[in-house]
Amino acid sequence: MSTFDYLCKLASRHNMLAIITFDETLFWKVSEIMNAVTDDSPIRNVVLLLGSFHTFMNLFAAIGCLMDGSGLMEILDMEYGKNVI
């Protein structure tokens, strides 16, 4: 909450919109905080973005499901090792 308050004050001081990027877990928690504050709170003006790391992980998971059984996993396993994949 203190970070939100600081960012809101900083953004309003510079007449800018506060845009913050979070990973999935923090994004969920911050969304809950934003929904819990009153409608006139400056925290409501913060724009939340889901981080690109989560987007890439979803893409890789989708590729993994689509390519399952194609032999791609075995090739990557030989090159990089099972714990990396």
C-alpha atoms as a PDB file:
ATOM      1  CA  MET A   1       0.000   0.000   0.000  1.00  0.00           C
ATOM      2  CA  SER A   2       2.841   2.396   0.778  1.00  0.00           C
ATOM      3  CA  THR A   3       4.407   1.733  -2.631  1.00  0.00           C
ATOM      4  CA  PHE A   4       1.101   2.513  -4.318  1.00  0.00           C
ATOM      5  CA  ASP A   5       0.756   5.705  -2.355  1.00  0.00           C
ATOM      6  CA  TYR A   6       4.292   6.773  -3.267  1.00  0.00           C
ATOM      7  CA  LEU A   7       3.786   6.027  -6.974  1.00  0.00           C
ATOM      8  CA  CYS A   8       0.468   7.844  -7.073  1.00  0.00           C
ATOM      9  CA  LYS A   9       1.998  10.951  -5.495  1.00  0.00           C
ATOM     10  CA  LEU A  10       5.002  10.788  -7.812  1.00  0.00           C
ATOM     11  CA  ALA A  11       2.799  10.394 -10.893  1.00  0.00           C
ATOM     12  CA  SER A  12       0.490  13.241  -9.901  1.00  0.00           C
ATOM     13  CA  ARG A  13       3.479  15.500  -9.150  1.00  0.00           C
ATOM     14  CA  HIS A  14       4.660  14.989 -12.744  1.00  0.00           C
ATOM     15  CA  ASN A  15       1.129  14.978 -14.229  1.00  0.00           C
ATOM     16  CA  MET A  16       1.598  11.429 -15.483  1.00  0.00           C
ATOM     17  CA  LEU A  17      -0.283   8.172 -15.256  1.00  0.00           C
ATOM     18  CA  ALA A  18       1.314   5.503 -13.049  1.00  0.00           C
ATOM     19  CA  ILE A  19       1.794   2.231 -14.935  1.00  0.00           C
ATOM     20  CA  ILE A  20       3.180  -0.712 -12.964  1.00  0.00           C
ATOM     21  CA  THR A  21       4.140  -4.164 -14.231  1.00  0.00           C
ATOM     22  CA  PHE A  22       3.923  -7.206 -11.953  1.00  0.00           C
ATOM     23  CA  ASP A  23       4.371 -10.927 -12.231  1.00  0.00           C
ATOM     24  CA  GLU A  24       1.274 -13.112 -11.912  1.00  0.00           C
ATOM     25  CA  THR A  25       1.218 -13.557  -8.117  1.00  0.00           C
ATOM     26  CA  LEU A  26       1.778  -9.898  -7.277  1.00  0.00           C
ATOM     27  CA  PHE A  27      -0.588  -8.820 -10.040  1.00  0.00           C
ATOM     28  CA  TRP A  28      -3.385 -10.829  -8.409  1.00  0.00           C
ATOM     29  CA  LYS A  29      -2.673  -9.387  -4.941  1.00  0.00           C
ATOM     30  CA  VAL A  30      -2.427  -5.808  -6.226  1.00  0.00           C
ATOM     31  CA  SER A  31      -5.707  -6.243  -8.110  1.00  0.00           C
ATOM     32  CA  GLU A  32      -7.354  -7.270  -4.839  1.00  0.00           C
ATOM     33  CA  ILE A  33      -5.933  -4.200  -3.098  1.00  0.00           C
ATOM     34  CA  MET A  34      -7.172  -1.915  -5.875  1.00  0.00           C
ATOM     35  CA  ASN A  35     -10.656  -3.394  -5.620  1.00  0.00           C
ATOM     36  CA  ALA A  36     -10.675  -2.928  -1.832  1.00  0.00           C
ATOM     37  CA  VAL A  37      -9.945   0.824  -1.804  1.00  0.00           C
ATOM     38  CA  THR A  38     -12.631   3.463  -2.141  1.00  0.00           C
ATOM     39  CA  ASP A  39     -13.612   4.790  -5.568  1.00  0.00           C
ATOM     40  CA  ASP A  40     -12.107   8.226  -4.923  1.00  0.00           C
ATOM     41  CA  SER A  41      -8.698   6.809  -3.958  1.00  0.00           C
ATOM     42  CA  PRO A  42      -5.791   7.819  -6.219  1.00  0.00           C
ATOM     43  CA  ILE A  43      -4.779   4.155  -6.279  1.00  0.00           C
ATOM     44  CA  ARG A  44      -7.690   3.538  -8.645  1.00  0.00           C
ATOM     45  CA  ASN A  45      -5.829   5.577 -11.287  1.00  0.00           C
ATOM     46  CA  VAL A  46      -2.863   3.199 -11.403  1.00  0.00           C
ATOM     47  CA  VAL A  47      -2.677   1.021 -14.524  1.00  0.00           C
ATOM     48  CA  LEU A  48      -1.615  -2.555 -13.801  1.00  0.00           C
ATOM     49  CA  LEU A  49       0.111  -4.680 -16.413  1.00  0.00           C
ATOM     50  CA  LEU A  50       0.885  -8.351 -16.302  1.00  0.00           C
ATOM     51  CA  GLY A  51       4.596  -8.826 -16.846  1.00  0.00           C
ATOM     52  CA  SER A  52       6.071 -10.149 -20.048  1.00  0.00           C
ATOM     53  CA  PHE A  53       7.671 -13.087 -18.229  1.00  0.00           C
ATOM     54  CA  HIS A  54       4.207 -14.511 -17.564  1.00  0.00           C
ATOM     55  CA  THR A  55       3.261 -13.994 -21.204  1.00  0.00           C
ATOM     56  CA  PHE A  56       6.368 -15.858 -22.404  1.00  0.00           C
ATOM     57  CA  MET A  57       5.747 -18.707 -19.979  1.00  0.00           C
ATOM     58  CA  ASN A  58       2.179 -19.074 -21.275  1.00  0.00           C
ATOM     59  CA  LEU A  59       3.489 -19.088 -24.842  1.00  0.00           C
ATOM     60  CA  PHE A  60       6.065 -21.776 -24.032  1.00  0.00           C
ATOM     61  CA  ALA A  61       3.422 -23.862 -22.255  1.00  0.00           C
ATOM     62  CA  ALA A  62       1.138 -23.598 -25.294  1.00  0.00           C
ATOM     63  CA  ILE A  63       3.960 -24.586 -27.636  1.00  0.00           C
ATOM     64  CA  GLY A  64       4.765 -27.492 -25.324  1.00  0.00           C
ATOM     65  CA  CYS A  65       1.158 -28.719 -25.458  1.00  0.00           C
ATOM     66  CA  LEU A  66       0.905 -28.316 -29.224  1.00  0.00           C
ATOM     67  CA  MET A  67       4.252 -29.983 -29.891  1.00  0.00           C
ATOM     68  CA  ASP A  68       3.752 -32.810 -27.382  1.00  0.00           C
ATOM     69  CA  GLY A  69       4.789 -36.107 -28.920  1.00  0.00           C
ATOM     70  CA  SER A  70       6.645 -34.479 -31.814  1.00  0.00           C
ATOM     71  CA  GLY A  71      10.116 -35.314 -30.485  1.00  0.00           C
ATOM     72  CA  LEU A  72      10.972 -31.693 -29.688  1.00  0.00           C
ATOM     73  CA  MET A  73      11.274 -32.466 -25.977  1.00  0.00           C
ATOM     74  CA  GLU A  74      13.753 -35.266 -26.644  1.00  0.00           C
ATOM     75  CA  ILE A  75      15.900 -33.050 -28.869  1.00  0.00           C
ATOM     76  CA  LEU A  76      15.970 -30.257 -26.295  1.00  0.00           C
ATOM     77  CA  ASP A  77      16.638 -32.794 -23.545  1.00  0.00           C
ATOM     78  CA  MET A  78      19.725 -34.084 -25.359  1.00  0.00           C
ATOM     79  CA  GLU A  79      21.005 -30.556 -25.979  1.00  0.00           C
ATOM     80  CA  TYR A  80      20.241 -28.783 -22.703  1.00  0.00           C
ATOM     81  CA  GLY A  81      19.331 -31.432 -20.116  1.00  0.00           C
ATOM     82  CA  LYS A  82      16.049 -32.431 -18.529  1.00  0.00           C
ATOM     83  CA  ASN A  83      16.121 -29.913 -15.658  1.00  0.00           C
ATOM     84  CA  VAL A  84      16.456 -26.966 -18.025  1.00  0.00           C
ATOM     85  CA  ILE A  85      13.434 -27.772 -20.153  1.00  0.00           C
END
